[in-house]
Amino acid sequence: MPHPVARRRRTGSRPPRATRRTAPTTERDRDGEGARSCEACGKADTEYIWTNERWRLQAFPPSGLPFVAILEPREHVDGPRDLSDVMLAEMGIMLARVERAVLTIEGIERVHILRYGEGAAHLHWWFMARPTGLRQTASCFAIIWDDVLPPTPEDRWRQNVATVAAALSDVPPAAS
């Protein structure tokens, strides 16, 4: 029997729908969903570079981009749809405040702000700093280049983290 694609080329007909798609499978629970505990809810404030009564910002260890962090509410919610109107309004303000803080890092041209929600059921927003002139990291390629580029040197990374934390705290960073 000829392959279904070869048959379609000859006859112009499509194979029955059932042969083109498979039924969706059940997805595994994410962190903080079902019986899985929420890693974010279990973290102490000391693991974050900035906190307030409703939000926390955690920087990731040195990677290919100069600064990568996530902003998350203290309250365990899966997505923006689960936040109160007050928290939604504050979320917009926080997204802008963190972006502004990341832009205070020397040599940063853009900040990519992303939300996926595939690994954890605790709302979190990614902030990825794109260096000036490194156009390869523009748009969706930032996440790929972050893994490909050599890690930011530890001392420079620490300075970047301190710059962001100070900008959010409205305190100038200490001279290095």
N, C-alpha and C. Protein backbone atom coordinates (compact mmCIF):
# COMPACT_ATOMS: atom_id res chain seq x y z
N MET A 1 0.84 -1.17 0.00
CA MET A 1 0.00 0.00 0.00
C MET A 1 0.89 1.24 0.00
N PRO A 2 0.62 2.22 -0.84
CA PRO A 2 1.47 3.42 -0.89
C PRO A 2 1.32 4.27 0.38
N HIS A 3 2.37 5.01 0.70
CA HIS A 3 2.37 5.92 1.83
C HIS A 3 1.25 6.95 1.66
N PRO A 4 0.55 7.39 2.76
CA PRO A 4 -0.57 8.33 2.64
C PRO A 4 -0.20 9.63 1.94
N VAL A 5 1.01 10.14 2.15
CA VAL A 5 1.41 11.39 1.49
C VAL A 5 1.56 11.14 0.00
N ALA A 6 2.16 10.00 -0.37
CA ALA A 6 2.32 9.68 -1.79
C ALA A 6 0.95 9.54 -2.43
N ARG A 7 0.00 8.92 -1.73
CA ARG A 7 -1.35 8.76 -2.28
C ARG A 7 -2.00 10.13 -2.46
N ARG A 8 -1.79 11.05 -1.53
CA ARG A 8 -2.40 12.38 -1.64
C ARG A 8 -1.81 13.12 -2.83
N ARG A 9 -0.53 12.96 -3.08
CA ARG A 9 0.08 13.63 -4.23
C ARG A 9 -0.56 13.15 -5.53
N ARG A 10 -0.85 11.88 -5.59
CA ARG A 10 -1.44 11.31 -6.81
C ARG A 10 -2.90 11.66 -6.95
N THR A 11 -3.64 11.56 -5.87
CA THR A 11 -5.09 11.69 -5.99
C THR A 11 -5.63 13.03 -5.49
N GLY A 12 -4.82 13.75 -4.70
CA GLY A 12 -5.30 15.01 -4.14
C GLY A 12 -6.18 14.80 -2.93
N SER A 13 -6.43 13.54 -2.54
CA SER A 13 -7.26 13.30 -1.37
C SER A 13 -6.38 13.27 -0.12
N ARG A 14 -6.99 13.53 0.99
CA ARG A 14 -6.28 13.50 2.26
C ARG A 14 -6.64 12.22 2.99
N PRO A 15 -5.71 11.70 3.75
CA PRO A 15 -6.04 10.51 4.54
C PRO A 15 -7.06 10.87 5.61
N PRO A 16 -7.75 9.89 6.14
CA PRO A 16 -8.73 10.17 7.19
C PRO A 16 -8.07 10.91 8.35
N ARG A 17 -8.81 11.78 8.99
CA ARG A 17 -8.30 12.64 10.07
C ARG A 17 -7.61 11.83 11.17
N ALA A 18 -8.16 10.71 11.53
CA ALA A 18 -7.62 9.91 12.64
C ALA A 18 -6.19 9.46 12.36
N THR A 19 -5.80 9.30 11.11
CA THR A 19 -4.44 8.85 10.82
C THR A 19 -3.45 10.01 10.82
N ARG A 20 -3.92 11.24 10.80
CA ARG A 20 -3.02 12.39 10.78
C ARG A 20 -2.67 12.88 12.18
N ARG A 21 -3.51 12.65 13.15
CA ARG A 21 -3.29 13.17 14.50
C ARG A 21 -3.47 12.06 15.52
N THR A 22 -2.75 12.23 16.60
CA THR A 22 -2.94 11.29 17.70
C THR A 22 -3.71 11.99 18.80
N ALA A 23 -4.35 11.22 19.60
CA ALA A 23 -5.11 11.78 20.72
C ALA A 23 -4.14 12.44 21.71
N PRO A 24 -4.56 13.55 22.32
CA PRO A 24 -3.67 14.20 23.30
C PRO A 24 -3.43 13.28 24.49
N THR A 25 -2.24 13.38 25.03
CA THR A 25 -1.91 12.59 26.21
C THR A 25 -2.08 13.46 27.45
N THR A 26 -2.22 12.84 28.57
CA THR A 26 -2.32 13.56 29.83
C THR A 26 -0.95 14.12 30.16
N GLU A 27 -0.91 15.40 30.53
CA GLU A 27 0.35 16.04 30.88
C GLU A 27 0.68 15.79 32.34
N ARG A 28 1.97 15.71 32.64
CA ARG A 28 2.39 15.51 34.02
C ARG A 28 2.14 16.79 34.80
N ASP A 29 1.95 16.65 36.11
CA ASP A 29 1.77 17.82 36.97
C ASP A 29 3.05 18.64 37.00
N ARG A 30 2.90 19.95 37.05
CA ARG A 30 4.03 20.86 37.19
C ARG A 30 4.30 21.06 38.68
N ASP A 31 5.43 21.68 39.00
CA ASP A 31 5.69 22.04 40.40
C ASP A 31 4.53 22.87 40.91
N GLY A 32 4.02 22.53 42.09
CA GLY A 32 2.92 23.29 42.69
C GLY A 32 1.55 22.92 42.18
N GLU A 33 1.46 21.79 41.49
CA GLU A 33 0.20 21.35 40.90
C GLU A 33 -0.06 19.91 41.31
N GLY A 34 -1.30 19.58 41.59
CA GLY A 34 -1.62 18.21 42.00
C GLY A 34 -0.91 17.87 43.30
N ALA A 35 -0.25 16.73 43.31
CA ALA A 35 0.45 16.28 44.53
C ALA A 35 1.86 16.84 44.64
N ARG A 36 2.32 17.57 43.63
CA ARG A 36 3.69 18.10 43.64
C ARG A 36 3.76 19.40 44.43
N SER A 37 4.72 19.50 45.32
CA SER A 37 4.88 20.72 46.12
C SER A 37 5.42 21.84 45.24
N CYS A 38 5.18 23.08 45.68
CA CYS A 38 5.62 24.25 44.93
C CYS A 38 7.00 24.68 45.43
N GLU A 39 7.98 24.60 44.54
CA GLU A 39 9.34 24.99 44.89
C GLU A 39 9.41 26.46 45.26
N ALA A 40 8.72 27.32 44.51
CA ALA A 40 8.75 28.76 44.78
C ALA A 40 8.19 29.09 46.16
N CYS A 41 7.10 28.46 46.52
CA CYS A 41 6.48 28.74 47.83
C CYS A 41 7.38 28.32 48.98
N GLY A 42 8.25 27.33 48.75
CA GLY A 42 9.12 26.82 49.80
C GLY A 42 10.43 27.57 49.95
N LYS A 43 10.72 28.53 49.06
CA LYS A 43 12.00 29.25 49.13
C LYS A 43 11.97 30.36 50.17
N ALA A 44 13.11 30.54 50.80
CA ALA A 44 13.27 31.64 51.76
C ALA A 44 13.60 32.93 51.02
N ASP A 45 13.29 34.06 51.63
CA ASP A 45 13.59 35.35 51.02
C ASP A 45 15.08 35.53 50.73
N THR A 46 15.92 34.83 51.47
CA THR A 46 17.37 34.96 51.26
C THR A 46 17.82 34.45 49.90
N GLU A 47 16.96 33.69 49.21
CA GLU A 47 17.30 33.19 47.87
C GLU A 47 16.95 34.20 46.78
N TYR A 48 16.43 35.35 47.17
CA TYR A 48 16.00 36.37 46.22
C TYR A 48 16.88 37.61 46.37
N ILE A 49 17.03 38.36 45.28
CA ILE A 49 17.85 39.57 45.33
C ILE A 49 17.04 40.78 45.76
N TRP A 50 15.72 40.67 45.68
CA TRP A 50 14.83 41.76 46.10
C TRP A 50 13.48 41.15 46.45
N THR A 51 12.88 41.68 47.52
CA THR A 51 11.55 41.24 47.91
C THR A 51 10.77 42.43 48.46
N ASN A 52 9.46 42.31 48.42
CA ASN A 52 8.60 43.20 49.20
C ASN A 52 7.48 42.34 49.76
N GLU A 53 6.43 42.95 50.27
CA GLU A 53 5.38 42.16 50.92
C GLU A 53 4.58 41.28 49.94
N ARG A 54 4.64 41.56 48.63
CA ARG A 54 3.85 40.78 47.67
C ARG A 54 4.64 40.16 46.53
N TRP A 55 5.87 40.60 46.29
CA TRP A 55 6.65 40.15 45.13
C TRP A 55 8.08 39.79 45.52
N ARG A 56 8.70 38.91 44.70
CA ARG A 56 10.09 38.52 44.91
C ARG A 56 10.78 38.39 43.55
N LEU A 57 12.06 38.80 43.51
CA LEU A 57 12.86 38.70 42.29
C LEU A 57 14.07 37.84 42.56
N GLN A 58 14.22 36.78 41.76
CA GLN A 58 15.35 35.86 41.93
C GLN A 58 16.23 35.92 40.69
N ALA A 59 17.53 36.14 40.88
CA ALA A 59 18.49 36.11 39.78
C ALA A 59 19.00 34.69 39.60
N PHE A 60 19.18 34.28 38.35
CA PHE A 60 19.75 32.98 38.05
C PHE A 60 21.27 33.08 38.08
N PRO A 61 21.97 31.98 38.29
CA PRO A 61 23.44 32.00 38.31
C PRO A 61 23.98 32.49 36.95
N PRO A 62 25.27 32.84 36.90
CA PRO A 62 25.84 33.34 35.64
C PRO A 62 25.54 32.41 34.47
N SER A 63 25.16 33.04 33.37
CA SER A 63 24.87 32.31 32.12
C SER A 63 25.36 33.18 30.96
N GLY A 64 24.98 32.85 29.77
CA GLY A 64 25.47 33.56 28.59
C GLY A 64 25.01 35.00 28.49
N LEU A 65 23.87 35.33 29.04
CA LEU A 65 23.39 36.71 29.05
C LEU A 65 23.85 37.38 30.34
N PRO A 66 23.99 38.70 30.34
CA PRO A 66 24.51 39.38 31.53
C PRO A 66 23.63 39.27 32.77
N PHE A 67 22.33 39.07 32.57
CA PHE A 67 21.42 39.00 33.72
C PHE A 67 20.16 38.27 33.29
N VAL A 68 19.76 37.27 34.09
CA VAL A 68 18.50 36.55 33.88
C VAL A 68 17.86 36.38 35.25
N ALA A 69 16.57 36.73 35.35
CA ALA A 69 15.88 36.64 36.64
C ALA A 69 14.42 36.30 36.41
N ILE A 70 13.75 35.92 37.50
CA ILE A 70 12.30 35.74 37.46
C ILE A 70 11.66 36.54 38.58
N LEU A 71 10.53 37.12 38.25
CA LEU A 71 9.70 37.84 39.21
C LEU A 71 8.48 36.98 39.48
N GLU A 72 8.17 36.79 40.75
CA GLU A 72 7.01 35.98 41.10
C GLU A 72 6.28 36.58 42.30
N PRO A 73 4.97 36.41 42.35
CA PRO A 73 4.24 36.87 43.53
C PRO A 73 4.47 35.89 44.68
N ARG A 74 4.35 36.38 45.89
CA ARG A 74 4.43 35.48 47.05
C ARG A 74 3.24 34.53 47.05
N GLU A 75 2.09 35.04 46.65
CA GLU A 75 0.86 34.26 46.61
C GLU A 75 0.98 33.18 45.53
N HIS A 76 0.57 31.97 45.86
CA HIS A 76 0.63 30.89 44.88
C HIS A 76 -0.56 31.00 43.93
N VAL A 77 -0.28 31.47 42.72
CA VAL A 77 -1.27 31.53 41.65
C VAL A 77 -0.63 30.97 40.40
N ASP A 78 -1.43 30.38 39.54
CA ASP A 78 -0.92 29.75 38.32
C ASP A 78 -0.67 30.77 37.21
N GLY A 79 -1.51 31.77 37.11
CA GLY A 79 -1.35 32.72 36.02
C GLY A 79 -2.00 34.04 36.34
N PRO A 80 -1.83 35.03 35.47
CA PRO A 80 -2.45 36.33 35.70
C PRO A 80 -3.96 36.24 35.93
N ARG A 81 -4.61 35.27 35.31
CA ARG A 81 -6.06 35.13 35.46
C ARG A 81 -6.48 34.88 36.91
N ASP A 82 -5.55 34.39 37.73
CA ASP A 82 -5.84 34.05 39.12
C ASP A 82 -5.58 35.21 40.09
N LEU A 83 -5.00 36.31 39.62
CA LEU A 83 -4.70 37.44 40.49
C LEU A 83 -5.91 38.34 40.66
N SER A 84 -5.99 38.98 41.81
CA SER A 84 -7.03 39.98 42.03
C SER A 84 -6.73 41.18 41.12
N ASP A 85 -7.71 42.04 40.94
CA ASP A 85 -7.51 43.24 40.12
C ASP A 85 -6.41 44.12 40.70
N VAL A 86 -6.33 44.19 42.01
CA VAL A 86 -5.29 45.00 42.66
C VAL A 86 -3.91 44.42 42.32
N MET A 87 -3.77 43.09 42.43
CA MET A 87 -2.49 42.45 42.12
C MET A 87 -2.17 42.54 40.63
N LEU A 88 -3.18 42.47 39.78
CA LEU A 88 -2.94 42.62 38.34
C LEU A 88 -2.37 44.00 38.04
N ALA A 89 -2.96 45.02 38.65
CA ALA A 89 -2.45 46.38 38.44
C ALA A 89 -1.02 46.50 38.95
N GLU A 90 -0.77 45.92 40.11
CA GLU A 90 0.58 45.97 40.67
C GLU A 90 1.56 45.16 39.81
N MET A 91 1.09 44.07 39.22
CA MET A 91 1.95 43.26 38.36
C MET A 91 2.47 44.10 37.19
N GLY A 92 1.59 44.89 36.58
CA GLY A 92 2.02 45.75 35.48
C GLY A 92 3.09 46.73 35.93
N ILE A 93 2.91 47.30 37.09
CA ILE A 93 3.90 48.23 37.64
C ILE A 93 5.21 47.49 37.91
N MET A 94 5.13 46.28 38.47
CA MET A 94 6.34 45.52 38.79
C MET A 94 7.10 45.11 37.52
N LEU A 95 6.38 44.73 36.48
CA LEU A 95 7.05 44.37 35.22
C LEU A 95 7.86 45.55 34.72
N ALA A 96 7.28 46.74 34.76
CA ALA A 96 7.99 47.94 34.31
C ALA A 96 9.15 48.29 35.25
N ARG A 97 8.95 48.18 36.56
CA ARG A 97 10.02 48.50 37.52
C ARG A 97 11.22 47.57 37.34
N VAL A 98 10.95 46.28 37.17
CA VAL A 98 12.07 45.35 37.00
C VAL A 98 12.77 45.62 35.67
N GLU A 99 12.01 45.86 34.62
CA GLU A 99 12.63 46.18 33.33
C GLU A 99 13.53 47.41 33.46
N ARG A 100 13.03 48.46 34.09
CA ARG A 100 13.85 49.67 34.29
C ARG A 100 15.11 49.36 35.08
N ALA A 101 14.97 48.54 36.11
CA ALA A 101 16.13 48.18 36.94
C ALA A 101 17.16 47.41 36.12
N VAL A 102 16.72 46.48 35.29
CA VAL A 102 17.65 45.71 34.47
C VAL A 102 18.34 46.62 33.45
N LEU A 103 17.62 47.59 32.94
CA LEU A 103 18.21 48.53 31.98
C LEU A 103 19.28 49.43 32.59
N THR A 104 19.38 49.46 33.92
CA THR A 104 20.44 50.25 34.56
C THR A 104 21.79 49.52 34.52
N ILE A 105 21.80 48.25 34.13
CA ILE A 105 23.06 47.53 33.96
C ILE A 105 23.77 48.12 32.75
N GLU A 106 25.03 48.44 32.91
CA GLU A 106 25.80 49.02 31.81
C GLU A 106 25.83 48.08 30.61
N GLY A 107 25.55 48.62 29.44
CA GLY A 107 25.64 47.85 28.20
C GLY A 107 24.42 47.02 27.85
N ILE A 108 23.30 47.26 28.53
CA ILE A 108 22.07 46.52 28.21
C ILE A 108 21.18 47.38 27.32
N GLU A 109 20.80 46.83 26.19
CA GLU A 109 19.99 47.54 25.21
C GLU A 109 18.50 47.25 25.37
N ARG A 110 18.16 46.00 25.62
CA ARG A 110 16.76 45.58 25.72
C ARG A 110 16.62 44.56 26.85
N VAL A 111 15.38 44.44 27.31
CA VAL A 111 15.06 43.42 28.30
C VAL A 111 13.90 42.59 27.74
N HIS A 112 14.13 41.31 27.58
CA HIS A 112 13.08 40.41 27.12
C HIS A 112 12.28 39.96 28.34
N ILE A 113 10.97 40.13 28.28
CA ILE A 113 10.09 39.73 29.38
C ILE A 113 9.21 38.61 28.85
N LEU A 114 9.27 37.44 29.50
CA LEU A 114 8.58 36.26 28.99
C LEU A 114 7.80 35.56 30.08
N ARG A 115 6.78 34.86 29.67
CA ARG A 115 6.04 33.98 30.58
C ARG A 115 5.69 32.71 29.84
N TYR A 116 6.07 31.58 30.41
CA TYR A 116 5.73 30.30 29.82
C TYR A 116 4.79 29.50 30.72
N GLY A 117 5.17 29.27 31.94
CA GLY A 117 4.33 28.52 32.87
C GLY A 117 4.28 27.03 32.62
N GLU A 118 5.25 26.49 31.91
CA GLU A 118 5.25 25.06 31.61
C GLU A 118 5.89 24.21 32.71
N GLY A 119 6.82 24.78 33.46
CA GLY A 119 7.53 23.99 34.45
C GLY A 119 6.98 24.10 35.85
N ALA A 120 6.28 25.20 36.13
CA ALA A 120 5.77 25.41 37.48
C ALA A 120 4.41 26.07 37.43
N ALA A 121 3.57 25.71 38.38
CA ALA A 121 2.23 26.29 38.47
C ALA A 121 2.22 27.50 39.39
N HIS A 122 3.39 28.12 39.57
CA HIS A 122 3.50 29.36 40.35
C HIS A 122 3.87 30.45 39.34
N LEU A 123 3.02 31.44 39.18
CA LEU A 123 3.25 32.51 38.20
C LEU A 123 4.66 33.08 38.32
N HIS A 124 5.36 33.16 37.21
CA HIS A 124 6.68 33.77 37.20
C HIS A 124 6.95 34.38 35.84
N TRP A 125 7.58 35.54 35.86
CA TRP A 125 7.94 36.29 34.65
C TRP A 125 9.46 36.27 34.52
N TRP A 126 9.94 35.92 33.33
CA TRP A 126 11.38 35.90 33.05
C TRP A 126 11.81 37.28 32.56
N PHE A 127 13.01 37.69 32.98
CA PHE A 127 13.65 38.92 32.50
C PHE A 127 15.03 38.52 31.99
N MET A 128 15.26 38.76 30.70
CA MET A 128 16.54 38.39 30.08
C MET A 128 17.15 39.65 29.48
N ALA A 129 18.32 40.03 29.98
CA ALA A 129 19.00 41.25 29.53
C ALA A 129 19.75 40.99 28.23
N ARG A 130 19.44 41.79 27.21
CA ARG A 130 20.15 41.67 25.93
C ARG A 130 21.19 42.77 25.82
N PRO A 131 22.46 42.38 25.62
CA PRO A 131 23.53 43.38 25.51
C PRO A 131 23.42 44.20 24.23
N THR A 132 23.85 45.44 24.33
CA THR A 132 23.92 46.32 23.17
C THR A 132 24.85 45.71 22.12
N GLY A 133 24.41 45.71 20.87
CA GLY A 133 25.25 45.25 19.76
C GLY A 133 25.25 43.76 19.53
N LEU A 134 24.71 42.98 20.41
CA LEU A 134 24.69 41.52 20.24
C LEU A 134 23.34 41.13 19.64
N ARG A 135 23.15 41.48 18.38
CA ARG A 135 21.86 41.29 17.71
C ARG A 135 21.47 39.82 17.56
N GLN A 136 22.44 38.91 17.65
CA GLN A 136 22.12 37.48 17.56
C GLN A 136 21.17 37.08 18.68
N THR A 137 21.19 37.82 19.79
CA THR A 137 20.36 37.46 20.93
C THR A 137 19.01 38.16 20.89
N ALA A 138 18.72 38.86 19.81
CA ALA A 138 17.45 39.57 19.70
C ALA A 138 16.28 38.59 19.59
N SER A 139 15.15 39.02 20.05
CA SER A 139 13.89 38.31 19.94
C SER A 139 13.96 36.94 20.63
N CYS A 140 13.36 35.95 20.01
CA CYS A 140 13.26 34.63 20.66
C CYS A 140 14.60 33.91 20.75
N PHE A 141 15.63 34.43 20.09
CA PHE A 141 16.92 33.77 20.13
C PHE A 141 17.66 33.98 21.45
N ALA A 142 17.21 34.92 22.26
CA ALA A 142 17.89 35.20 23.54
C ALA A 142 17.97 33.94 24.40
N ILE A 143 16.89 33.21 24.45
CA ILE A 143 16.85 32.02 25.30
C ILE A 143 17.83 30.95 24.82
N ILE A 144 18.03 30.87 23.51
CA ILE A 144 18.98 29.90 22.95
C ILE A 144 20.41 30.37 23.21
N TRP A 145 20.69 31.64 22.90
CA TRP A 145 22.04 32.16 23.10
C TRP A 145 22.45 32.15 24.57
N ASP A 146 21.50 32.27 25.47
CA ASP A 146 21.83 32.23 26.89
C ASP A 146 22.52 30.91 27.25
N ASP A 147 22.13 29.84 26.58
CA ASP A 147 22.75 28.53 26.81
C ASP A 147 24.04 28.33 26.02
N VAL A 148 24.19 29.05 24.90
CA VAL A 148 25.33 28.83 23.99
C VAL A 148 26.54 29.69 24.35
N LEU A 149 26.30 30.95 24.71
CA LEU A 149 27.41 31.87 25.02
C LEU A 149 28.12 31.44 26.30
N PRO A 150 29.40 31.79 26.42
CA PRO A 150 30.09 31.47 27.69
C PRO A 150 29.45 32.26 28.83
N PRO A 151 29.49 31.72 30.03
CA PRO A 151 28.86 32.42 31.16
C PRO A 151 29.50 33.79 31.41
N THR A 152 28.67 34.71 31.85
CA THR A 152 29.15 36.02 32.28
C THR A 152 30.14 35.80 33.43
N PRO A 153 31.29 36.48 33.42
CA PRO A 153 32.24 36.30 34.54
C PRO A 153 31.56 36.60 35.88
N GLU A 154 31.90 35.83 36.88
CA GLU A 154 31.26 35.90 38.20
C GLU A 154 31.25 37.32 38.78
N ASP A 155 32.38 38.02 38.70
CA ASP A 155 32.44 39.36 39.28
C ASP A 155 31.52 40.33 38.55
N ARG A 156 31.46 40.22 37.24
CA ARG A 156 30.57 41.08 36.46
C ARG A 156 29.11 40.73 36.76
N TRP A 157 28.82 39.43 36.86
CA TRP A 157 27.45 38.99 37.18
C TRP A 157 27.02 39.53 38.54
N ARG A 158 27.90 39.44 39.55
CA ARG A 158 27.58 39.95 40.88
C ARG A 158 27.30 41.46 40.84
N GLN A 159 28.08 42.17 40.04
CA GLN A 159 27.87 43.61 39.89
C GLN A 159 26.51 43.87 39.23
N ASN A 160 26.14 43.09 38.24
CA ASN A 160 24.85 43.24 37.57
C ASN A 160 23.70 42.98 38.54
N VAL A 161 23.82 41.94 39.34
CA VAL A 161 22.78 41.61 40.33
C VAL A 161 22.65 42.75 41.33
N ALA A 162 23.77 43.26 41.81
CA ALA A 162 23.74 44.36 42.78
C ALA A 162 23.13 45.61 42.16
N THR A 163 23.40 45.86 40.90
CA THR A 163 22.85 47.04 40.21
C THR A 163 21.33 46.95 40.14
N VAL A 164 20.82 45.78 39.79
CA VAL A 164 19.36 45.59 39.69
C VAL A 164 18.73 45.70 41.08
N ALA A 165 19.29 45.04 42.06
CA ALA A 165 18.74 45.09 43.42
C ALA A 165 18.71 46.52 43.94
N ALA A 166 19.79 47.26 43.70
CA ALA A 166 19.85 48.65 44.16
C ALA A 166 18.83 49.52 43.44
N ALA A 167 18.67 49.30 42.13
CA ALA A 167 17.69 50.10 41.38
C ALA A 167 16.28 49.84 41.89
N LEU A 168 15.98 48.60 42.26
CA LEU A 168 14.66 48.29 42.80
C LEU A 168 14.48 48.84 44.20
N SER A 169 15.55 48.95 44.94
CA SER A 169 15.50 49.46 46.30
C SER A 169 15.67 50.97 46.35
N ASP A 170 15.91 51.58 45.17
CA ASP A 170 16.16 53.01 45.07
C ASP A 170 17.36 53.44 45.89
N VAL A 171 18.36 52.55 45.99
CA VAL A 171 19.61 52.85 46.68
C VAL A 171 20.72 52.68 45.65
N PRO A 172 21.61 53.67 45.50
CA PRO A 172 22.68 53.50 44.51
C PRO A 172 23.57 52.32 44.87
N PRO A 173 24.05 51.55 43.86
CA PRO A 173 24.93 50.41 44.16
C PRO A 173 26.26 50.89 44.70
N ALA A 174 26.85 50.08 45.54
CA ALA A 174 28.17 50.40 46.10
C ALA A 174 29.20 50.37 45.00
N ALA A 175 30.18 51.24 45.09
CA ALA A 175 31.28 51.24 44.10
C ALA A 175 32.08 49.96 44.25
N SER A 176 32.49 49.44 43.10
CA SER A 176 33.24 48.16 43.16
C SER A 176 34.70 48.39 42.93
